[in-house]
PDB file of all heavy atoms in Angstrom:
ATOM      1  N   THR A   1       0.861  -1.157   0.010  1.00  0.00           N
ATOM      2  CA  THR A   1      -0.016   0.045  -0.021  1.00  0.00           C
ATOM      3  C   THR A   1       0.945   1.205   0.020  1.00  0.00           C
ATOM      4  O   THR A   1       1.902   1.343   0.761  1.00  0.00           O
ATOM      5  CB  THR A   1      -0.896  -0.001   1.254  1.00  0.00           C
ATOM      6  OG1 THR A   1      -1.730  -1.198   1.250  1.00  0.00           O
ATOM      7  CG2 THR A   1      -1.852   1.210   1.208  1.00  0.00           C
ATOM      8  N   PHE A   2       0.589   2.160  -0.819  1.00  0.00           N
ATOM      9  CA  PHE A   2       1.496   3.332  -0.980  1.00  0.00           C
ATOM     10  C   PHE A   2       0.657   4.609  -0.942  1.00  0.00           C
ATOM     11  O   PHE A   2      -0.553   4.698  -1.098  1.00  0.00           O
ATOM     12  CB  PHE A   2       2.310   3.243  -2.287  1.00  0.00           C
ATOM     13  CG  PHE A   2       1.494   3.404  -3.518  1.00  0.00           C
ATOM     14  CD1 PHE A   2       1.168   4.628  -4.100  1.00  0.00           C
ATOM     15  CD2 PHE A   2       1.035   2.261  -4.197  1.00  0.00           C
ATOM     16  CE1 PHE A   2       0.467   4.728  -5.302  1.00  0.00           C
ATOM     17  CE2 PHE A   2       0.332   2.330  -5.378  1.00  0.00           C
ATOM     18  CZ  PHE A   2      -0.029   3.605  -5.914  1.00  0.00           C
ATOM     19  N   SER A   3       1.460   5.739  -0.672  1.00  0.00           N
ATOM     20  CA  SER A   3       0.908   7.058  -0.735  1.00  0.00           C
ATOM     21  C   SER A   3       1.902   7.969  -1.406  1.00  0.00           C
ATOM     22  O   SER A   3       3.009   7.535  -1.750  1.00  0.00           O
ATOM     23  CB  SER A   3       0.656   7.601   0.753  1.00  0.00           C
ATOM     24  OG  SER A   3       1.840   7.749   1.444  1.00  0.00           O
ATOM     25  N   ARG A   4       1.531   9.197  -1.659  1.00  0.00           N
ATOM     26  CA  ARG A   4       2.415  10.207  -2.298  1.00  0.00           C
ATOM     27  C   ARG A   4       3.006   9.770  -3.612  1.00  0.00           C
ATOM     28  O   ARG A   4       4.162  10.031  -3.892  1.00  0.00           O
ATOM     29  CB  ARG A   4       3.501  10.656  -1.294  1.00  0.00           C
ATOM     30  CG  ARG A   4       2.959  11.129   0.034  1.00  0.00           C
ATOM     31  CD  ARG A   4       3.940  11.740   0.972  1.00  0.00           C
ATOM     32  NE  ARG A   4       4.582  12.917   0.458  1.00  0.00           N
ATOM     33  CZ  ARG A   4       3.975  14.120   0.501  1.00  0.00           C
ATOM     34  NH1 ARG A   4       2.774  14.261   1.124  1.00  0.00           N
ATOM     35  NH2 ARG A   4       4.533  15.170   0.114  1.00  0.00           N
ATOM     36  N   GLY A   5       2.234   8.985  -4.388  1.00  0.00           N
ATOM     37  CA  GLY A   5       2.757   8.546  -5.650  1.00  0.00           C
ATOM     38  C   GLY A   5       2.790   9.681  -6.657  1.00  0.00           C
ATOM     39  O   GLY A   5       1.827  10.516  -6.740  1.00  0.00           O
ATOM     40  N   THR A   6       3.818   9.752  -7.479  1.00  0.00           N
ATOM     41  CA  THR A   6       4.019  10.849  -8.425  1.00  0.00           C
ATOM     42  C   THR A   6       3.635  10.444  -9.857  1.00  0.00           C
ATOM     43  O   THR A   6       3.938  11.208 -10.773  1.00  0.00           O
ATOM     44  CB  THR A   6       5.446  11.321  -8.363  1.00  0.00           C
ATOM     45  OG1 THR A   6       6.359  10.273  -8.760  1.00  0.00           O
ATOM     46  CG2 THR A   6       5.802  11.778  -6.990  1.00  0.00           C
ATOM     47  N   GLY A   7       3.036   9.289 -10.048  1.00  0.00           N
ATOM     48  CA  GLY A   7       2.749   8.790 -11.418  1.00  0.00           C
ATOM     49  C   GLY A   7       2.011   9.781 -12.242  1.00  0.00           C
ATOM     50  O   GLY A   7       2.328  10.052 -13.423  1.00  0.00           O
ATOM     51  N   PHE A   8       0.845  10.226 -11.735  1.00  0.00           N
ATOM     52  CA  PHE A   8       0.041  11.203 -12.477  1.00  0.00           C
ATOM     53  C   PHE A   8       0.773  12.475 -12.736  1.00  0.00           C
ATOM     54  O   PHE A   8       0.749  13.044 -13.886  1.00  0.00           O
ATOM     55  CB  PHE A   8      -1.311  11.512 -11.792  1.00  0.00           C
ATOM     56  CG  PHE A   8      -2.015  12.631 -12.326  1.00  0.00           C
ATOM     57  CD1 PHE A   8      -2.694  12.603 -13.530  1.00  0.00           C
ATOM     58  CD2 PHE A   8      -2.005  13.859 -11.634  1.00  0.00           C
ATOM     59  CE1 PHE A   8      -3.321  13.761 -14.065  1.00  0.00           C
ATOM     60  CE2 PHE A   8      -2.643  14.971 -12.141  1.00  0.00           C
ATOM     61  CZ  PHE A   8      -3.276  14.891 -13.364  1.00  0.00           C
ATOM     62  N   TRP A   9       1.384  12.994 -11.747  1.00  0.00           N
ATOM     63  CA  TRP A   9       2.089  14.272 -11.891  1.00  0.00           C
ATOM     64  C   TRP A   9       3.183  14.185 -12.975  1.00  0.00           C
ATOM     65  O   TRP A   9       3.368  15.042 -13.795  1.00  0.00           O
ATOM     66  CB  TRP A   9       2.621  14.752 -10.537  1.00  0.00           C
ATOM     67  CG  TRP A   9       2.929  16.179 -10.384  1.00  0.00           C
ATOM     68  CD1 TRP A   9       2.878  17.152 -11.382  1.00  0.00           C
ATOM     69  CD2 TRP A   9       3.260  16.874  -9.193  1.00  0.00           C
ATOM     70  NE1 TRP A   9       3.143  18.354 -10.883  1.00  0.00           N
ATOM     71  CE2 TRP A   9       3.475  18.250  -9.530  1.00  0.00           C
ATOM     72  CE3 TRP A   9       3.466  16.483  -7.944  1.00  0.00           C
ATOM     73  CZ2 TRP A   9       3.798  19.151  -8.554  1.00  0.00           C
ATOM     74  CZ3 TRP A   9       3.797  17.402  -6.914  1.00  0.00           C
ATOM     75  CH2 TRP A   9       3.932  18.786  -7.332  1.00  0.00           C
ATOM     76  N   GLU A  10       3.973  13.065 -12.854  1.00  0.00           N
ATOM     77  CA  GLU A  10       5.009  12.891 -13.864  1.00  0.00           C
ATOM     78  C   GLU A  10       4.434  12.767 -15.266  1.00  0.00           C
ATOM     79  O   GLU A  10       5.024  13.443 -16.245  1.00  0.00           O
ATOM     80  CB  GLU A  10       5.825  11.596 -13.518  1.00  0.00           C
ATOM     81  CG  GLU A  10       6.684  11.664 -12.273  1.00  0.00           C
ATOM     82  CD  GLU A  10       8.075  12.270 -12.591  1.00  0.00           C
ATOM     83  OE1 GLU A  10       8.299  12.663 -13.707  1.00  0.00           O
ATOM     84  OE2 GLU A  10       8.863  12.247 -11.695  1.00  0.00           O
ATOM     85  N   ARG A  11       3.404  12.027 -15.416  1.00  0.00           N
ATOM     86  CA  ARG A  11       2.904  11.858 -16.812  1.00  0.00           C
ATOM     87  C   ARG A  11       2.276  13.094 -17.371  1.00  0.00           C
ATOM     88  O   ARG A  11       2.267  13.373 -18.588  1.00  0.00           O
ATOM     89  CB  ARG A  11       1.836  10.731 -16.896  1.00  0.00           C
ATOM     90  CG  ARG A  11       0.559  10.970 -16.198  1.00  0.00           C
ATOM     91  CD  ARG A  11      -0.303   9.671 -16.040  1.00  0.00           C
ATOM     92  NE  ARG A  11      -0.555   9.045 -17.346  1.00  0.00           N
ATOM     93  CZ  ARG A  11      -0.242   7.749 -17.594  1.00  0.00           C
ATOM     94  NH1 ARG A  11       0.285   7.032 -16.692  1.00  0.00           N
ATOM     95  NH2 ARG A  11      -0.566   7.316 -18.756  1.00  0.00           N
ATOM     96  N   SER A  12       1.789  14.060 -16.500  1.00  0.00           N
ATOM     97  CA  SER A  12       1.227  15.292 -17.021  1.00  0.00           C
ATOM     98  C   SER A  12       2.344  16.262 -17.511  1.00  0.00           C
ATOM     99  O   SER A  12       1.999  17.254 -18.217  1.00  0.00           O
ATOM    100  CB  SER A  12       0.482  15.986 -15.872  1.00  0.00           C
ATOM    101  OG  SER A  12       1.332  16.485 -14.792  1.00  0.00           O
ATOM    102  N   LEU A  13       3.561  15.960 -17.269  1.00  0.00           N
ATOM    103  CA  LEU A  13       4.651  16.880 -17.696  1.00  0.00           C
ATOM    104  C   LEU A  13       5.289  16.419 -19.068  1.00  0.00           C
ATOM    105  O   LEU A  13       6.056  17.190 -19.607  1.00  0.00           O
ATOM    106  CB  LEU A  13       5.695  16.889 -16.641  1.00  0.00           C
ATOM    107  CG  LEU A  13       5.304  17.392 -15.257  1.00  0.00           C
ATOM    108  CD1 LEU A  13       6.468  17.163 -14.270  1.00  0.00           C
ATOM    109  CD2 LEU A  13       4.885  18.820 -15.293  1.00  0.00           C
ATOM    110  N   HIS A  14       4.883  15.265 -19.504  1.00  0.00           N
ATOM    111  CA  HIS A  14       5.510  14.731 -20.773  1.00  0.00           C
ATOM    112  C   HIS A  14       4.790  15.289 -22.007  1.00  0.00           C
ATOM    113  O   HIS A  14       3.606  15.378 -22.040  1.00  0.00           O
ATOM    114  CB  HIS A  14       5.500  13.246 -20.796  1.00  0.00           C
ATOM    115  CG  HIS A  14       6.570  12.584 -19.969  1.00  0.00           C
ATOM    116  ND1 HIS A  14       7.833  12.330 -20.431  1.00  0.00           N
ATOM    117  CD2 HIS A  14       6.535  12.269 -18.666  1.00  0.00           C
ATOM    118  CE1 HIS A  14       8.583  11.819 -19.432  1.00  0.00           C
ATOM    119  NE2 HIS A  14       7.793  11.764 -18.338  1.00  0.00           N
ATOM    120  N   GLU A  15       5.585  15.564 -22.978  1.00  0.00           N
ATOM    121  CA  GLU A  15       5.065  16.074 -24.295  1.00  0.00           C
ATOM    122  C   GLU A  15       4.478  14.924 -25.126  1.00  0.00           C
ATOM    123  O   GLU A  15       3.485  14.948 -25.754  1.00  0.00           O
ATOM    124  CB  GLU A  15       6.077  16.804 -25.115  1.00  0.00           C
ATOM    125  CG  GLU A  15       6.554  18.191 -24.446  1.00  0.00           C
ATOM    126  CD  GLU A  15       7.535  18.876 -25.255  1.00  0.00           C
ATOM    127  OE1 GLU A  15       8.001  18.264 -26.301  1.00  0.00           O
ATOM    128  OE2 GLU A  15       7.905  19.938 -24.861  1.00  0.00           O
ATOM    129  N   GLN A  16       5.211  13.799 -25.001  1.00  0.00           N
ATOM    130  CA  GLN A  16       4.743  12.490 -25.723  1.00  0.00           C
ATOM    131  C   GLN A  16       3.677  11.875 -24.896  1.00  0.00           C
ATOM    132  O   GLN A  16       3.482  12.209 -23.712  1.00  0.00           O
ATOM    133  CB  GLN A  16       5.952  11.565 -25.893  1.00  0.00           C
ATOM    134  CG  GLN A  16       6.987  12.004 -26.860  1.00  0.00           C
ATOM    135  CD  GLN A  16       8.108  11.015 -26.991  1.00  0.00           C
ATOM    136  OE1 GLN A  16       9.083  11.066 -26.232  1.00  0.00           O
ATOM    137  NE2 GLN A  16       7.939  10.088 -27.871  1.00  0.00           N
ATOM    138  N   SER A  17       2.944  10.992 -25.534  1.00  0.00           N
ATOM    139  CA  SER A  17       1.945  10.270 -24.862  1.00  0.00           C
ATOM    140  C   SER A  17       2.498   9.400 -23.721  1.00  0.00           C
ATOM    141  O   SER A  17       3.266   8.449 -24.038  1.00  0.00           O
ATOM    142  CB  SER A  17       1.145   9.368 -25.783  1.00  0.00           C
ATOM    143  OG  SER A  17       0.355   8.452 -25.070  1.00  0.00           O
ATOM    144  N   PRO A  18       2.204   9.669 -22.463  1.00  0.00           N
ATOM    145  CA  PRO A  18       2.721   8.814 -21.347  1.00  0.00           C
ATOM    146  C   PRO A  18       2.236   7.349 -21.489  1.00  0.00           C
ATOM    147  O   PRO A  18       2.878   6.442 -21.043  1.00  0.00           O
ATOM    148  CB  PRO A  18       2.137   9.407 -20.143  1.00  0.00           C
ATOM    149  CG  PRO A  18       1.718  10.823 -20.521  1.00  0.00           C
ATOM    150  CD  PRO A  18       1.317  10.744 -21.942  1.00  0.00           C
ATOM    151  N   TYR A  19       1.057   7.150 -22.152  1.00  0.00           N
ATOM    152  CA  TYR A  19       0.578   5.766 -22.350  1.00  0.00           C
ATOM    153  C   TYR A  19       1.518   4.925 -23.179  1.00  0.00           C
ATOM    154  O   TYR A  19       1.699   3.800 -22.792  1.00  0.00           O
ATOM    155  CB  TYR A  19      -0.819   5.857 -23.037  1.00  0.00           C
ATOM    156  CG  TYR A  19      -1.488   4.463 -23.080  1.00  0.00           C
ATOM    157  CD1 TYR A  19      -2.233   4.017 -22.066  1.00  0.00           C
ATOM    158  CD2 TYR A  19      -1.447   3.718 -24.249  1.00  0.00           C
ATOM    159  CE1 TYR A  19      -2.844   2.771 -22.087  1.00  0.00           C
ATOM    160  CE2 TYR A  19      -2.035   2.522 -24.353  1.00  0.00           C
ATOM    161  CZ  TYR A  19      -2.778   1.980 -23.252  1.00  0.00           C
ATOM    162  OH  TYR A  19      -3.399   0.891 -23.320  1.00  0.00           O
ATOM    163  N   LEU A  20       2.091   5.560 -24.211  1.00  0.00           N
ATOM    164  CA  LEU A  20       3.077   4.910 -24.959  1.00  0.00           C
ATOM    165  C   LEU A  20       4.448   4.725 -24.286  1.00  0.00           C
ATOM    166  O   LEU A  20       5.179   3.787 -24.420  1.00  0.00           O
ATOM    167  CB  LEU A  20       3.261   5.578 -26.315  1.00  0.00           C
ATOM    168  CG  LEU A  20       2.002   5.672 -27.177  1.00  0.00           C
ATOM    169  CD1 LEU A  20       2.278   6.369 -28.495  1.00  0.00           C
ATOM    170  CD2 LEU A  20       1.433   4.281 -27.462  1.00  0.00           C
ATOM    171  N   LEU A  21       4.794   5.785 -23.472  1.00  0.00           N
ATOM    172  CA  LEU A  21       6.047   5.701 -22.778  1.00  0.00           C
ATOM    173  C   LEU A  21       6.078   4.603 -21.742  1.00  0.00           C
ATOM    174  O   LEU A  21       7.157   4.146 -21.386  1.00  0.00           O
ATOM    175  CB  LEU A  21       6.320   7.078 -22.136  1.00  0.00           C
ATOM    176  CG  LEU A  21       6.556   8.261 -23.028  1.00  0.00           C
ATOM    177  CD1 LEU A  21       6.716   9.565 -22.249  1.00  0.00           C
ATOM    178  CD2 LEU A  21       7.831   8.054 -23.859  1.00  0.00           C
ATOM    179  N   GLU A  22       4.927   4.218 -21.222  1.00  0.00           N
ATOM    180  CA  GLU A  22       4.866   3.173 -20.176  1.00  0.00           C
ATOM    181  C   GLU A  22       5.194   1.812 -20.777  1.00  0.00           C
ATOM    182  O   GLU A  22       5.488   0.870 -20.035  1.00  0.00           O
ATOM    183  CB  GLU A  22       3.448   3.097 -19.626  1.00  0.00           C
ATOM    184  CG  GLU A  22       3.133   4.177 -18.613  1.00  0.00           C
ATOM    185  CD  GLU A  22       1.776   4.053 -18.064  1.00  0.00           C
ATOM    186  OE1 GLU A  22       0.866   3.589 -18.789  1.00  0.00           O
ATOM    187  OE2 GLU A  22       1.574   4.384 -16.921  1.00  0.00           O
ATOM    188  N   GLY A  23       5.195   1.670 -22.138  1.00  0.00           N
ATOM    189  CA  GLY A  23       5.444   0.370 -22.721  1.00  0.00           C
ATOM    190  C   GLY A  23       6.885  -0.068 -22.543  1.00  0.00           C
ATOM    191  O   GLY A  23       7.749   0.635 -22.004  1.00  0.00           O
ATOM    192  N   ARG A  24       7.142  -1.295 -23.009  1.00  0.00           N
ATOM    193  CA  ARG A  24       8.537  -1.726 -22.960  1.00  0.00           C
ATOM    194  C   ARG A  24       9.410  -0.913 -23.857  1.00  0.00           C
ATOM    195  O   ARG A  24       9.121  -0.499 -24.943  1.00  0.00           O
ATOM    196  CB  ARG A  24       8.619  -3.226 -23.419  1.00  0.00           C
ATOM    197  CG  ARG A  24       7.892  -4.138 -22.438  1.00  0.00           C
ATOM    198  CD  ARG A  24       8.092  -5.627 -22.875  1.00  0.00           C
ATOM    199  NE  ARG A  24       7.367  -6.478 -22.010  1.00  0.00           N
ATOM    200  CZ  ARG A  24       7.832  -6.987 -20.849  1.00  0.00           C
ATOM    201  NH1 ARG A  24       9.089  -6.585 -20.511  1.00  0.00           N
ATOM    202  NH2 ARG A  24       7.189  -7.748 -20.042  1.00  0.00           N
ATOM    203  N   ARG A  25      10.628  -0.641 -23.338  1.00  0.00           N
ATOM    204  CA  ARG A  25      11.502   0.299 -23.963  1.00  0.00           C
ATOM    205  C   ARG A  25      11.782  -0.167 -25.442  1.00  0.00           C
ATOM    206  O   ARG A  25      11.809   0.649 -26.392  1.00  0.00           O
ATOM    207  CB  ARG A  25      12.771   0.365 -23.215  1.00  0.00           C
ATOM    208  CG  ARG A  25      13.807   1.398 -23.859  1.00  0.00           C
ATOM    209  CD  ARG A  25      15.064   1.408 -22.995  1.00  0.00           C
ATOM    210  NE  ARG A  25      14.809   1.902 -21.604  1.00  0.00           N
ATOM    211  CZ  ARG A  25      14.741   3.194 -21.283  1.00  0.00           C
ATOM    212  NH1 ARG A  25      14.978   4.088 -22.226  1.00  0.00           N
ATOM    213  NH2 ARG A  25      14.496   3.578 -20.079  1.00  0.00           N
ATOM    214  N   GLY A  26      12.031  -1.417 -25.666  1.00  0.00           N
ATOM    215  CA  GLY A  26      12.377  -1.938 -26.998  1.00  0.00           C
ATOM    216  C   GLY A  26      11.303  -1.648 -28.019  1.00  0.00           C
ATOM    217  O   GLY A  26      11.592  -1.239 -29.163  1.00  0.00           O
TER     218      GLY A  26
END
């Protein structure tokens, strides 16, 4: 169980689609 997660805040700062950035790097 976690708190103070920065996932949403981080994704809101990206110019590219965060949905695609979450995929496997390759």
